[in-house]
Protein backbone atom coordinates (compact mmCIF):
# COMPACT_ATOMS: atom_id res chain seq x y z
CA MET A 1 0.00 0.00 0.00
CA ASN A 2 2.88 2.34 0.76
CA THR A 3 4.37 1.86 -2.68
CA PHE A 4 1.04 2.64 -4.33
CA LEU A 5 0.68 5.85 -2.31
CA ASN A 6 4.24 6.85 -3.19
CA TYR A 7 3.54 6.37 -6.89
CA LEU A 8 0.22 8.21 -6.54
CA GLY A 9 1.85 11.13 -4.73
CA THR A 10 4.63 11.36 -7.29
CA SER A 11 2.09 11.28 -10.13
CA VAL A 12 0.03 14.06 -8.53
CA VAL A 13 3.08 16.29 -8.05
CA PHE A 14 4.19 15.60 -11.63
CA ALA A 15 0.69 16.44 -12.92
CA LEU A 16 0.63 19.69 -10.93
CA PHE A 17 3.91 20.78 -12.50
CA LEU A 18 2.94 19.63 -15.97
CA ALA A 19 -0.62 21.06 -16.08
CA PRO A 20 0.32 24.75 -16.65
CA THR A 21 2.67 23.73 -19.45
CA LEU A 22 -0.01 21.71 -21.20
CA VAL A 23 -2.55 24.52 -20.82
CA GLY A 24 -0.03 26.99 -22.28
CA ILE A 25 0.72 24.73 -25.23
CA ALA A 26 -2.99 24.30 -25.95
CA ARG A 27 -3.50 28.07 -25.77
CA GLU A 28 -0.58 28.75 -28.12
CA ARG A 29 -1.92 26.23 -30.64
CA ARG A 30 -5.36 27.84 -30.51
CA ILE A 31 -3.89 31.32 -31.07
CA ASP A 32 -1.74 30.05 -33.95
CA ARG A 33 -4.78 28.42 -35.55
CA GLN A 34 -6.79 31.66 -35.23
CA LEU A 35 -3.95 33.67 -36.78
CA ARG A 36 -3.67 31.24 -39.71
CA GLU A 37 -7.42 31.41 -40.32
CA ALA A 38 -7.37 35.21 -40.18
CA GLU A 39 -4.46 35.33 -42.64
CA ARG A 40 -6.26 33.00 -45.03
CA ALA A 41 -9.43 35.10 -44.82
CA ARG A 42 -7.43 38.28 -45.34
CA SER A 43 -5.57 36.94 -48.39
CA ALA A 44 -8.80 35.59 -49.90
CA GLU A 45 -10.43 39.04 -49.94
CA PRO A 46 -9.29 41.40 -52.70
CA PRO A 47 -8.28 44.87 -51.53
CA GLN A 48 -11.19 47.31 -51.72
CA THR A 49 -9.14 50.24 -53.00
CA ALA A 50 -5.60 50.90 -54.13
CA ASP A 51 -4.87 52.57 -50.78
CA ALA A 52 -5.86 49.44 -48.90
CA ALA A 53 -2.96 47.52 -50.43
CA ARG A 54 -0.33 49.92 -49.10
CA PRO A 55 0.95 49.43 -45.55
CA VAL A 56 0.32 52.20 -43.07
CA ARG A 57 3.48 54.12 -42.14
CA ALA A 58 3.53 55.76 -38.76
CA ALA A 59 5.61 58.85 -38.12
CA ARG A 60 8.53 58.15 -35.80
CA ARG A 61 8.97 60.36 -32.79
CA PRO A 62 12.47 61.54 -31.94
CA TYR A 63 14.18 59.68 -29.13
CA VAL A 64 14.27 61.64 -25.89
CA ARG A 65 17.17 60.70 -23.63
CA SER A 66 15.67 61.78 -20.35
CA TRP A 67 12.36 62.98 -19.04
CA ALA A 68 14.11 66.13 -17.77
CA ARG A 69 15.35 67.09 -21.26
CA ILE A 70 12.43 68.05 -23.42
């Protein structure tokens, strides 16, 4: 009986350490699948206008070294 409880305890501790990893892997796979589906849907639709095909360029702000120097 002691051996069985030792194996059971070890299995429970192993499962507690492994559970967050498995949940994270499942979440990552779900997110990857959603991103692939969104990319397929996006590439299947033709652009509505010529401007829609161009990427948006954001203006870069100058780097400020310190909050005291403005």
